[in-house]
Protein backbone atom coordinates (compact mmCIF):
# COMPACT_ATOMS: atom_id res chain seq x y z
CA UNK A 1 -123.33 -6.46 59.93
CA UNK A 2 -120.68 -5.26 57.46
CA UNK A 3 -119.97 -2.25 59.69
CA UNK A 4 -119.42 -4.55 62.68
CA UNK A 5 -117.02 -6.70 60.68
CA UNK A 6 -115.11 -3.63 59.54
CA UNK A 7 -114.90 -2.30 63.11
CA UNK A 8 -113.72 -5.68 64.33
CA UNK A 9 -110.98 -5.74 61.70
CA UNK A 10 -109.93 -2.19 62.62
CA UNK A 11 -109.67 -3.13 66.31
CA UNK A 12 -107.67 -6.23 65.42
CA UNK A 13 -105.31 -4.19 63.25
CA UNK A 14 -104.85 -1.61 66.02
CA UNK A 15 -104.08 -4.27 68.61
CA UNK A 16 -101.59 -5.99 66.32
CA UNK A 17 -99.88 -2.69 65.48
CA UNK A 18 -99.69 -1.85 69.18
CA UNK A 19 -98.06 -5.20 69.95
CA UNK A 20 -95.61 -4.65 67.11
CA UNK A 21 -94.77 -1.21 68.51
CA UNK A 22 -94.25 -2.68 72.00
CA UNK A 23 -91.89 -5.32 70.57
CA UNK A 24 -89.98 -2.60 68.72
CA UNK A 25 -89.65 -0.64 71.96
CA UNK A 26 -88.19 -3.67 73.72
CA UNK A 27 -85.83 -4.27 70.81
CA UNK A 28 -84.68 -0.65 71.02
CA UNK A 29 -84.16 -0.89 74.78
CA UNK A 30 -82.06 -4.05 74.35
CA UNK A 31 -80.03 -2.81 71.38
CA UNK A 32 -76.27 -2.72 71.78
CA UNK A 33 -73.83 -1.16 69.37
CA UNK A 34 -74.49 1.51 66.79
CA UNK A 35 -75.76 -0.84 64.07
CA UNK A 36 -78.33 -2.50 66.36
CA UNK A 37 -79.44 0.87 67.69
CA UNK A 38 -79.84 2.30 64.18
CA UNK A 39 -81.86 -0.72 63.07
CA UNK A 40 -83.99 -0.64 66.23
CA UNK A 41 -84.78 3.04 65.62
CA UNK A 42 -85.81 2.25 62.05
CA UNK A 43 -88.10 -0.58 63.17
CA UNK A 44 -89.54 1.53 66.01
CA UNK A 45 -90.35 4.46 63.73
CA UNK A 46 -92.04 2.14 61.24
CA UNK A 47 -94.09 0.49 63.99
CA UNK A 48 -95.14 3.88 65.37
CA UNK A 49 -96.32 5.02 61.95
CA UNK A 50 -98.25 1.83 61.38
CA UNK A 51 -99.99 2.24 64.75
CA UNK A 52 -100.84 5.87 63.94
CA UNK A 53 -102.22 4.88 60.54
CA UNK A 54 -104.61 2.38 62.12
CA UNK A 55 -105.72 4.88 64.76
CA UNK A 56 -106.48 7.46 62.06
CA UNK A 57 -108.34 4.78 60.12
CA UNK A 58 -110.53 4.17 63.16
CA UNK A 59 -111.23 7.88 63.49
CA UNK A 60 -112.16 8.15 59.82
CA UNK A 61 -114.54 5.22 60.29
CA UNK A 62 -116.04 7.24 63.18
CA UNK A 63 -115.70 4.42 65.64
CA UNK A 64 -117.30 5.35 68.93
CA UNK A 65 -114.70 6.24 71.61
CA UNK A 66 -116.80 4.55 74.29
CA UNK A 67 -116.79 1.29 72.35
CA UNK A 68 -113.07 1.67 71.70
CA UNK A 69 -112.27 2.06 75.37
CA UNK A 70 -114.41 -1.00 76.10
CA UNK A 71 -112.08 -2.96 73.87
CA UNK A 72 -108.98 -1.44 75.44
CA UNK A 73 -108.03 0.85 72.56
CA UNK A 74 -107.04 4.42 73.37
CA UNK A 75 -107.69 6.89 70.57
């Protein structure tokens, strides 16, 4: 039961980090002017790292790839 809760939280964190990364990509694509571009790059890099951290967390927890793909998470 605890394992299932942990896996559920990991999947939720991955999905949220992915959405954050997608928003950062859109922000970067829409950025105009050097200051906006610099800030968008900063936000994008942070979002990418956060997403990678959660993916590594899932691998350390040895979450089954088949189950992950069922939930729409690519690892």
